[in-house]
Protein backbone atom coordinates (compact mmCIF):
# COMPACT_ATOMS: atom_id res chain seq x y z
CA MET A 1 -55.50 -124.14 -27.70
CA ASN A 2 -57.21 -125.24 -30.94
CA TYR A 3 -55.53 -122.90 -33.48
CA LYS A 4 -57.28 -124.54 -36.42
CA LEU A 5 -60.67 -123.78 -34.89
CA ILE A 6 -59.64 -120.17 -34.24
CA ALA A 7 -58.34 -119.77 -37.79
CA ARG A 8 -61.55 -121.23 -39.21
CA GLY A 9 -63.58 -118.79 -37.10
CA LEU A 10 -61.49 -115.86 -38.20
CA GLY A 11 -61.98 -116.92 -41.81
CA VAL A 12 -65.75 -116.95 -41.38
CA LEU A 13 -65.64 -113.51 -39.78
CA LEU A 14 -63.51 -112.19 -42.65
CA VAL A 15 -65.95 -113.45 -45.26
CA MET A 16 -68.85 -111.95 -43.32
CA ALA A 17 -67.00 -108.64 -43.11
CA VAL A 18 -66.43 -108.58 -46.86
CA VAL A 19 -70.06 -109.40 -47.55
CA VAL A 20 -71.31 -106.76 -45.12
CA THR A 21 -68.85 -104.17 -46.46
CA GLY A 22 -69.87 -104.93 -50.02
CA ALA A 23 -73.53 -104.68 -49.12
CA PHE A 24 -72.93 -101.41 -47.30
CA ALA A 25 -70.99 -100.00 -50.27
CA ALA A 26 -73.71 -101.09 -52.65
CA GLY A 27 -76.31 -99.56 -50.39
CA SER A 28 -74.36 -96.32 -50.13
CA ARG A 29 -73.89 -96.22 -53.89
CA GLU A 30 -77.60 -96.85 -54.42
CA GLU A 31 -78.46 -94.08 -51.99
CA SER A 32 -75.97 -91.77 -53.74
CA ARG A 33 -78.09 -91.93 -56.88
CA ASN A 34 -80.47 -89.65 -54.98
CA GLU A 35 -77.69 -87.07 -55.18
CA LEU A 36 -76.24 -85.65 -58.38
CA VAL A 37 -73.02 -83.63 -58.28
CA ILE A 38 -72.27 -81.03 -60.94
CA SER A 39 -69.09 -79.09 -61.56
CA ARG A 40 -69.12 -75.43 -62.59
CA TRP A 41 -67.20 -72.19 -62.16
CA ALA A 42 -67.88 -70.24 -58.97
CA GLY A 43 -69.37 -66.76 -58.69
CA PRO A 44 -72.72 -64.96 -58.47
CA HIS A 45 -74.24 -67.06 -61.28
CA ALA A 46 -73.28 -70.24 -59.45
CA ASP A 47 -74.89 -68.91 -56.29
CA ASP A 48 -78.11 -68.28 -58.21
CA LEU A 49 -77.97 -71.78 -59.66
CA LYS A 50 -77.70 -73.28 -56.18
CA ASP A 51 -81.07 -71.75 -55.37
CA VAL A 52 -82.68 -72.81 -58.65
CA VAL A 53 -81.61 -76.48 -58.49
CA ARG A 54 -83.55 -76.93 -55.27
CA GLN A 55 -86.58 -77.19 -57.53
CA TYR A 56 -85.22 -80.29 -59.28
CA GLY A 57 -87.44 -83.13 -58.12
CA ALA A 58 -85.58 -86.21 -59.38
CA ALA A 59 -82.57 -85.90 -57.06
CA ASN A 60 -80.71 -83.61 -54.69
CA VAL A 61 -78.32 -81.56 -56.81
CA VAL A 62 -74.98 -80.53 -55.31
CA VAL A 63 -73.17 -77.68 -57.08
CA ASP A 64 -69.41 -78.02 -56.72
CA ASP A 65 -68.47 -74.46 -57.68
CA ILE A 66 -64.77 -73.94 -58.28
CA ASP A 67 -62.78 -70.83 -59.14
CA PHE A 68 -62.21 -70.52 -62.87
CA GLY A 69 -58.44 -70.98 -62.62
CA SER A 70 -58.82 -74.43 -61.05
CA LEU A 71 -61.99 -75.65 -62.77
CA ARG A 72 -60.44 -77.34 -65.79
CA GLN A 73 -57.79 -79.18 -63.79
CA ARG A 74 -60.34 -80.37 -61.23
CA GLN A 75 -62.58 -81.73 -63.95
CA GLN A 76 -59.74 -83.48 -65.73
CA THR A 77 -58.65 -85.10 -62.49
CA SER A 78 -62.16 -86.43 -61.95
CA PHE A 79 -62.19 -87.92 -65.46
CA GLN A 80 -59.39 -90.31 -64.46
CA ALA A 81 -61.65 -92.35 -62.17
CA THR A 82 -62.81 -95.74 -63.43
CA SER A 83 -66.00 -96.03 -65.43
CA GLY A 84 -69.11 -95.47 -63.36
CA ARG A 85 -67.18 -94.01 -60.43
CA GLY A 86 -66.57 -90.45 -61.53
CA SER A 87 -66.86 -87.55 -59.11
CA TYR A 88 -69.33 -85.67 -61.30
CA ASP A 89 -72.64 -86.42 -62.93
CA ALA A 90 -72.38 -83.35 -65.16
CA VAL A 91 -69.67 -80.81 -65.93
CA TRP A 92 -69.86 -77.20 -67.11
CA VAL A 93 -67.34 -76.92 -69.92
CA ALA A 94 -66.08 -73.78 -71.68
CA ASN A 95 -66.71 -74.16 -75.41
CA GLN A 96 -62.98 -73.73 -76.06
CA TRP A 97 -62.33 -76.93 -74.07
CA MET A 98 -64.90 -79.09 -75.80
CA GLN A 99 -62.72 -80.37 -78.66
CA GLU A 100 -60.07 -81.51 -76.18
CA TYR A 101 -62.64 -83.21 -73.94
CA VAL A 102 -64.22 -85.02 -76.89
CA ASP A 103 -60.91 -86.12 -78.40
CA ALA A 104 -59.72 -87.44 -75.03
CA GLY A 105 -62.97 -89.35 -74.47
CA TYR A 106 -63.77 -87.38 -71.31
CA VAL A 107 -67.39 -86.71 -72.28
CA ILE A 108 -70.01 -88.72 -74.15
CA ALA A 109 -72.31 -88.04 -77.09
CA ILE A 110 -75.89 -87.37 -76.01
CA ASP A 111 -77.82 -87.82 -79.28
CA ASP A 112 -79.31 -91.19 -78.30
CA LEU A 113 -80.19 -89.91 -74.83
CA ALA A 114 -81.88 -86.86 -76.33
CA ALA A 115 -83.96 -89.06 -78.64
CA GLU A 116 -84.82 -91.44 -75.80
CA HIS A 117 -86.01 -88.62 -73.54
CA GLY A 118 -87.76 -86.66 -76.28
CA VAL A 119 -85.51 -83.57 -76.13
CA ASP A 120 -85.62 -81.55 -79.35
CA LEU A 121 -82.12 -80.19 -79.90
CA SER A 122 -83.42 -77.64 -82.39
CA MET A 123 -84.60 -75.54 -79.42
CA TYR A 124 -81.00 -74.31 -79.05
CA ALA A 125 -79.46 -71.60 -81.22
CA ASP A 126 -77.70 -73.17 -84.20
CA GLY A 127 -74.49 -71.21 -83.73
CA LEU A 128 -74.20 -72.47 -80.14
CA LEU A 129 -75.30 -76.07 -80.58
CA ALA A 130 -72.77 -76.40 -83.40
CA GLY A 131 -70.05 -75.60 -80.87
CA ALA A 132 -70.93 -78.78 -78.99
CA GLN A 133 -71.02 -81.01 -82.07
CA PHE A 134 -68.01 -83.00 -83.28
CA GLY A 135 -67.71 -85.78 -85.82
CA GLY A 136 -71.46 -85.99 -86.30
CA GLY A 137 -72.26 -86.26 -82.58
CA THR A 138 -73.63 -83.83 -80.01
CA TYR A 139 -71.60 -83.78 -76.79
CA GLY A 140 -73.53 -81.42 -74.58
CA LEU A 141 -76.17 -78.74 -74.27
CA PRO A 142 -75.12 -75.08 -74.62
CA THR A 143 -75.83 -72.30 -72.12
CA PHE A 144 -74.50 -69.00 -70.75
CA ALA A 145 -73.44 -67.37 -74.00
CA GLN A 146 -71.65 -64.10 -74.70
CA THR A 147 -70.86 -62.14 -77.85
CA LEU A 148 -70.32 -58.55 -78.99
CA ILE A 149 -73.21 -56.26 -79.98
CA LEU A 150 -73.66 -52.53 -80.47
CA ALA A 151 -75.25 -50.26 -77.88
CA TYR A 152 -76.09 -46.67 -78.77
CA ASP A 153 -77.88 -43.59 -77.50
CA THR A 154 -80.98 -43.13 -79.67
CA GLU A 155 -81.25 -39.45 -78.69
CA ALA A 156 -77.72 -38.77 -79.92
CA PHE A 157 -78.58 -40.29 -83.29
CA GLU A 158 -81.83 -38.34 -83.52
CA ARG A 159 -80.03 -35.07 -82.79
CA ALA A 160 -77.50 -35.87 -85.49
CA GLY A 161 -80.21 -36.85 -87.97
CA LEU A 162 -78.67 -40.30 -88.36
CA GLU A 163 -80.24 -43.74 -88.53
CA PRO A 164 -78.68 -46.50 -86.41
CA PRO A 165 -76.11 -48.38 -88.51
CA THR A 166 -77.22 -51.62 -90.14
CA THR A 167 -73.97 -52.40 -92.00
CA SER A 168 -70.26 -52.11 -91.22
CA ASP A 169 -69.88 -49.29 -93.72
CA GLU A 170 -72.69 -47.34 -92.05
CA LEU A 171 -71.05 -48.00 -88.67
CA VAL A 172 -67.78 -46.45 -89.86
CA GLU A 173 -69.67 -43.45 -91.27
CA ALA A 174 -71.58 -42.93 -88.01
CA ALA A 175 -68.33 -43.11 -86.04
CA ARG A 176 -66.71 -40.63 -88.45
CA TYR A 177 -69.66 -38.21 -88.16
CA PHE A 178 -69.55 -38.08 -84.36
CA TYR A 179 -65.74 -37.89 -84.35
CA GLU A 180 -65.57 -35.02 -86.83
CA ASN A 181 -68.69 -33.07 -85.82
CA GLU A 182 -69.14 -33.66 -82.09
CA GLY A 183 -65.65 -34.56 -80.91
CA THR A 184 -66.70 -37.97 -79.65
CA GLY A 185 -66.83 -41.04 -81.89
CA ILE A 186 -67.33 -44.74 -81.32
CA ALA A 187 -66.17 -46.69 -78.23
CA VAL A 188 -64.22 -49.82 -79.16
CA PRO A 189 -61.86 -52.08 -77.18
CA ALA A 190 -58.53 -51.28 -78.85
CA ARG A 191 -56.20 -52.29 -76.03
CA GLN A 192 -53.94 -55.19 -76.97
CA GLY A 193 -55.96 -58.22 -75.93
CA GLY A 194 -58.73 -60.64 -76.73
CA ALA A 195 -61.49 -58.03 -76.98
CA ALA A 196 -59.90 -56.47 -80.07
CA ASN A 197 -59.63 -59.89 -81.68
CA ASN A 198 -63.31 -60.51 -80.91
CA LEU A 199 -64.25 -57.38 -82.85
CA TYR A 200 -62.05 -58.28 -85.83
CA SER A 201 -63.41 -61.84 -85.90
CA GLN A 202 -67.04 -60.69 -85.79
CA LEU A 203 -66.42 -58.32 -88.69
CA LEU A 204 -64.94 -61.34 -90.48
CA PHE A 205 -67.71 -63.81 -89.53
CA SER A 206 -70.41 -61.29 -90.49
CA GLN A 207 -69.23 -61.59 -94.08
CA GLY A 208 -69.81 -65.35 -93.99
CA ALA A 209 -66.04 -65.92 -93.81
CA TYR A 210 -63.72 -67.60 -91.31
CA TYR A 211 -60.03 -67.80 -90.48
CA PHE A 212 -59.73 -70.71 -92.91
CA ASP A 213 -60.91 -71.37 -96.44
CA ASP A 214 -63.28 -74.17 -97.43
CA ASP A 215 -60.37 -76.63 -97.57
CA GLY A 216 -59.28 -75.79 -94.04
CA ASN A 217 -56.25 -73.72 -95.04
CA LEU A 218 -55.39 -70.55 -93.15
CA ASP A 219 -56.73 -67.61 -95.16
CA LEU A 220 -55.96 -64.35 -93.38
CA THR A 221 -55.27 -62.61 -96.68
CA SER A 222 -58.75 -63.18 -98.09
CA ASP A 223 -60.72 -60.13 -99.19
CA GLU A 224 -63.03 -60.61 -96.19
CA SER A 225 -60.15 -60.75 -93.69
CA ILE A 226 -58.50 -57.63 -95.11
CA TYR A 227 -61.86 -55.84 -95.06
CA ALA A 228 -62.41 -56.82 -91.41
CA ALA A 229 -58.94 -55.62 -90.39
CA THR A 230 -59.32 -52.38 -92.35
CA THR A 231 -62.75 -51.70 -90.86
CA TYR A 232 -61.31 -52.29 -87.41
CA GLN A 233 -58.59 -49.72 -88.12
CA GLN A 234 -61.17 -47.19 -89.33
CA LEU A 235 -63.31 -47.66 -86.25
CA VAL A 236 -60.31 -47.04 -84.00
CA ARG A 237 -59.41 -43.96 -86.04
CA TYR A 238 -62.89 -42.52 -85.39
CA SER A 239 -63.08 -43.58 -81.76
CA VAL A 240 -63.34 -41.51 -78.61
CA GLU A 241 -60.13 -40.58 -76.83
CA GLY A 242 -58.74 -43.35 -74.67
CA THR A 243 -59.83 -46.42 -76.60
CA LEU A 244 -56.27 -47.66 -77.11
CA THR A 245 -56.27 -48.49 -73.38
CA TRP A 246 -59.79 -49.90 -73.22
CA HIS A 247 -61.12 -53.41 -72.88
CA HIS A 248 -64.81 -54.42 -72.65
CA ASP A 249 -65.53 -52.76 -69.29
CA GLU A 250 -64.26 -49.32 -70.28
CA THR A 251 -65.98 -49.45 -73.65
CA ALA A 252 -69.38 -50.23 -72.14
CA GLU A 253 -68.95 -47.57 -69.47
CA ALA A 254 -68.16 -44.89 -72.08
CA VAL A 255 -71.49 -45.52 -73.83
CA ARG A 256 -73.49 -45.82 -70.60
CA MET A 257 -72.11 -42.53 -69.28
CA GLN A 258 -72.64 -40.69 -72.61
CA ARG A 259 -68.96 -40.20 -73.34
CA ALA A 260 -69.60 -42.03 -76.61
CA PRO A 261 -72.90 -42.15 -78.54
CA ILE A 262 -72.26 -45.70 -79.73
CA GLY A 263 -69.92 -48.57 -78.94
CA THR A 264 -69.31 -52.29 -79.00
CA VAL A 265 -70.50 -54.08 -75.86
CA ILE A 266 -69.94 -57.63 -74.69
CA SER A 267 -73.41 -59.02 -74.02
CA GLY A 268 -72.56 -59.97 -70.45
CA LEU A 269 -72.39 -56.24 -69.62
CA ALA A 270 -75.53 -55.23 -71.52
CA ASN A 271 -77.74 -55.49 -68.43
CA GLN A 272 -75.88 -52.51 -66.93
CA PHE A 273 -77.46 -50.18 -69.50
CA SER A 274 -80.85 -50.62 -67.76
CA ASP A 275 -79.48 -49.84 -64.31
CA PRO A 276 -80.17 -46.20 -63.33
CA GLU A 277 -77.23 -46.27 -60.93
CA ARG A 278 -74.82 -47.21 -63.70
CA SER A 279 -76.30 -45.71 -66.84
CA LEU A 280 -77.37 -42.28 -68.11
CA ILE A 281 -79.17 -43.73 -71.13
CA VAL A 282 -81.62 -46.11 -69.44
CA ASP A 283 -84.55 -44.69 -71.39
CA THR A 284 -82.74 -44.03 -74.67
CA VAL A 285 -80.48 -47.03 -75.23
CA GLY A 286 -80.79 -49.06 -78.43
CA TYR A 287 -79.10 -52.28 -79.50
CA ALA A 288 -77.97 -53.73 -82.83
CA GLY A 289 -75.72 -56.42 -84.22
CA ILE A 290 -72.24 -55.70 -85.57
CA ALA A 291 -73.11 -56.37 -89.20
CA GLY A 292 -71.00 -56.89 -92.28
CA PRO A 293 -71.33 -54.89 -95.50
CA ASP A 294 -74.56 -56.68 -96.45
CA GLY A 295 -76.25 -56.32 -93.05
CA HIS A 296 -75.62 -59.89 -91.84
CA ALA A 297 -74.45 -59.97 -88.21
CA ALA A 298 -72.63 -63.02 -86.83
CA GLY A 299 -71.02 -63.35 -83.43
CA ASN A 300 -67.81 -64.83 -82.16
CA ASN A 301 -69.61 -67.11 -79.76
CA ASN A 302 -68.28 -67.77 -76.29
CA PHE A 303 -70.42 -70.03 -74.16
CA TRP A 304 -70.53 -72.98 -71.78
CA VAL A 305 -71.77 -76.51 -72.29
CA TRP A 306 -73.37 -78.92 -69.84
CA ALA A 307 -71.73 -82.24 -70.68
CA ILE A 308 -71.81 -85.77 -69.24
CA PRO A 309 -68.51 -87.34 -68.15
CA ALA A 310 -67.72 -90.72 -69.69
CA ASN A 311 -67.31 -92.12 -66.16
CA ALA A 312 -70.56 -90.70 -64.80
CA PRO A 313 -72.36 -93.32 -62.66
CA ASP A 314 -75.73 -92.98 -64.43
CA PRO A 315 -75.64 -91.20 -67.82
CA ALA A 316 -79.43 -91.30 -68.14
CA ALA A 317 -79.87 -89.49 -64.82
CA SER A 318 -77.16 -87.04 -65.85
CA PHE A 319 -78.93 -86.29 -69.12
CA GLN A 320 -82.26 -85.73 -67.40
CA LEU A 321 -80.53 -83.18 -65.18
CA ILE A 322 -78.68 -81.25 -67.92
CA SER A 323 -81.80 -81.16 -70.10
CA TRP A 324 -83.67 -79.68 -67.12
CA LEU A 325 -80.85 -77.18 -66.48
CA THR A 326 -81.05 -75.99 -70.10
CA SER A 327 -84.83 -76.17 -70.44
CA ALA A 328 -86.76 -73.03 -71.31
CA ASP A 329 -88.24 -72.76 -67.81
CA THR A 330 -84.96 -73.11 -65.94
CA GLU A 331 -83.04 -70.87 -68.31
CA LYS A 332 -85.76 -68.25 -68.00
CA GLN A 333 -85.35 -68.24 -64.23
CA MET A 334 -81.59 -67.78 -64.55
CA THR A 335 -82.05 -65.00 -67.11
CA LEU A 336 -84.44 -63.12 -64.84
CA LEU A 337 -82.08 -63.54 -61.90
CA ASN A 338 -78.90 -62.32 -63.58
CA GLN A 339 -79.55 -61.62 -67.29
CA GLN A 340 -77.72 -64.82 -68.24
CA ILE A 341 -77.87 -65.33 -72.02
CA SER A 342 -79.53 -68.65 -72.76
CA ALA A 343 -79.05 -70.79 -75.85
CA VAL A 344 -82.80 -71.50 -75.94
CA THR A 345 -84.10 -69.34 -78.78
CA SER A 346 -87.72 -69.11 -77.57
CA ILE A 347 -86.67 -67.16 -74.47
CA ALA A 348 -85.82 -64.18 -76.66
CA ASN A 349 -89.56 -63.73 -77.32
CA ASP A 350 -90.76 -64.08 -73.73
CA PRO A 351 -92.39 -60.77 -72.64
CA GLU A 352 -91.16 -61.01 -69.05
CA VAL A 353 -87.60 -61.74 -70.16
CA LEU A 354 -87.71 -58.98 -72.78
CA GLU A 355 -88.68 -56.43 -70.15
CA ALA A 356 -85.69 -57.42 -68.02
CA SER A 357 -83.29 -57.95 -70.95
CA PRO A 358 -84.35 -55.78 -73.93
CA PHE A 359 -81.05 -56.54 -75.69
CA LEU A 360 -81.80 -60.27 -75.85
CA PRO A 361 -83.37 -60.49 -79.36
CA VAL A 362 -80.28 -58.85 -80.88
CA VAL A 363 -77.94 -61.11 -78.92
CA MET A 364 -79.84 -64.27 -79.89
CA GLU A 365 -79.81 -63.34 -83.57
CA VAL A 366 -76.08 -62.69 -83.51
CA LEU A 367 -75.37 -65.89 -81.58
CA GLY A 368 -77.58 -67.90 -83.91
CA ASN A 369 -75.55 -66.71 -86.90
CA GLY A 370 -72.24 -66.96 -85.10
CA ARG A 371 -69.24 -69.24 -84.95
CA SER A 372 -66.65 -70.10 -82.33
CA ASP A 373 -62.89 -69.94 -82.49
CA PRO A 374 -61.19 -73.32 -83.08
CA ALA A 375 -60.32 -75.18 -79.88
CA SER A 376 -56.73 -76.13 -80.72
CA ALA A 377 -53.43 -75.24 -79.09
CA ASN A 378 -52.04 -74.00 -82.40
CA PHE A 379 -54.96 -71.64 -82.83
CA LEU A 380 -54.17 -70.09 -79.45
CA ASP A 381 -50.74 -69.20 -80.86
CA LEU A 382 -52.39 -67.73 -83.95
CA ARG A 383 -54.79 -65.77 -81.80
CA GLU A 384 -51.90 -64.24 -79.87
CA ALA A 385 -50.28 -63.21 -83.17
CA LEU A 386 -53.55 -61.64 -84.31
CA ILE A 387 -53.85 -59.75 -81.03
CA VAL A 388 -50.36 -58.27 -81.51
CA GLY A 389 -51.08 -57.50 -85.16
CA LEU A 390 -54.39 -55.81 -84.39
CA SER A 391 -52.68 -53.68 -81.76
CA GLU A 392 -50.26 -52.49 -84.44
CA ILE A 393 -53.16 -51.82 -86.82
CA ALA A 394 -54.95 -49.81 -84.14
CA SER A 395 -52.02 -47.70 -83.02
CA THR A 396 -50.19 -46.98 -86.29
CA ASP A 397 -50.88 -46.20 -89.94
CA VAL A 398 -49.64 -49.62 -91.05
CA ASP A 399 -51.45 -51.23 -93.99
CA PRO A 400 -53.74 -53.92 -92.47
CA ALA A 401 -53.12 -56.12 -95.53
CA ALA A 402 -49.40 -56.14 -94.77
CA VAL A 403 -49.99 -57.20 -91.18
CA MET A 404 -52.32 -60.02 -92.23
CA GLN A 405 -49.83 -61.18 -94.85
CA ARG A 406 -47.08 -61.30 -92.23
CA ILE A 407 -49.18 -63.43 -89.89
CA GLN A 408 -50.30 -65.62 -92.79
CA ASP A 409 -46.67 -66.30 -93.73
CA GLU A 410 -45.72 -67.02 -90.12
CA PHE A 411 -48.41 -69.69 -89.71
CA ALA A 412 -48.68 -70.95 -93.29
CA ASN A 413 -47.31 -74.40 -92.47
CA VAL A 414 -49.00 -74.86 -89.10
CA ASP A 415 -51.59 -77.61 -88.74
CA PHE A 416 -54.76 -76.29 -87.14
């Protein structure tokens, strides 16, 4: 038997197999560009998005919707693939994760892509777009925002001869009036948790202040911080019975069901006020921002960002998709489907959207003026301390200034 001839033949077959396999892989990869895979958290909004993306003409869009608890880990695992071979063409990132993703090089800046494709980034609310900007670059397009606003029963205010509050001082006075004269008061989320911190932070941000001073040093003992904590304590003092056990859901329900004439509401629940099956004030509800002493209202902005992974196979195709997902037309569809709050400011003036979401102009104004919490591990520790401190402020007669001083001292040497 001629073993040399057999070996030579096997060698030729092996080379042919490699060539064919390579060609097949290249062909498969080329065909895959007709499919774009995006990662986002699962739920009713994701189901709506699956229907909407069928309209995208440039490629077939696959929505890999994952439960919130696993989303971040799944995305980070996909980021480990080699350049150009990532699992996802676009990822839906919570704004609190953005700093980490940018620092780790998981996602790319999109400024050049936006200029190349003629996308005007000024179409997005300043307070939201800023949450996707780091080191002079823009790392994604914002969407699906939430913040706190006020909802109130206009009839209750008319009966009391009161105007809706336009400042924090007026808000406290309105709460005091209803508490002392009608036995109700304001509905606020005073249970120990993140909702209480959201209210404190918005009272702080609405004064043009932040957790830190202009030099980046922790400044919880500033006049603005003490005012915000004191106002929070006063609002709880003049609140309806039960607020010490309430989070966002209970607070919104109390206003909807006329157990409270006014209350703070997370914007994601505002659509329930127009639902006759869930609200007794469908025809009398009004909305306003949670303003500071001068009438300026700024939100603590929580939102999501469509970003492009650094290992995405085709960043240009990814950008075309995320700019379509956050375009005025697509965002309008999502808003009409589920009252999703868009970062596109023009939607707040759309008559059809306004009819479905009458609270939207207030929300957009508050978001546009707003800021986000820092996305650092050390801030999460500070936030937990604030949550505990605010619970003490809500449930006792402690001096808010003393609580803020204690937290300030505890974190004075921490690098944020």
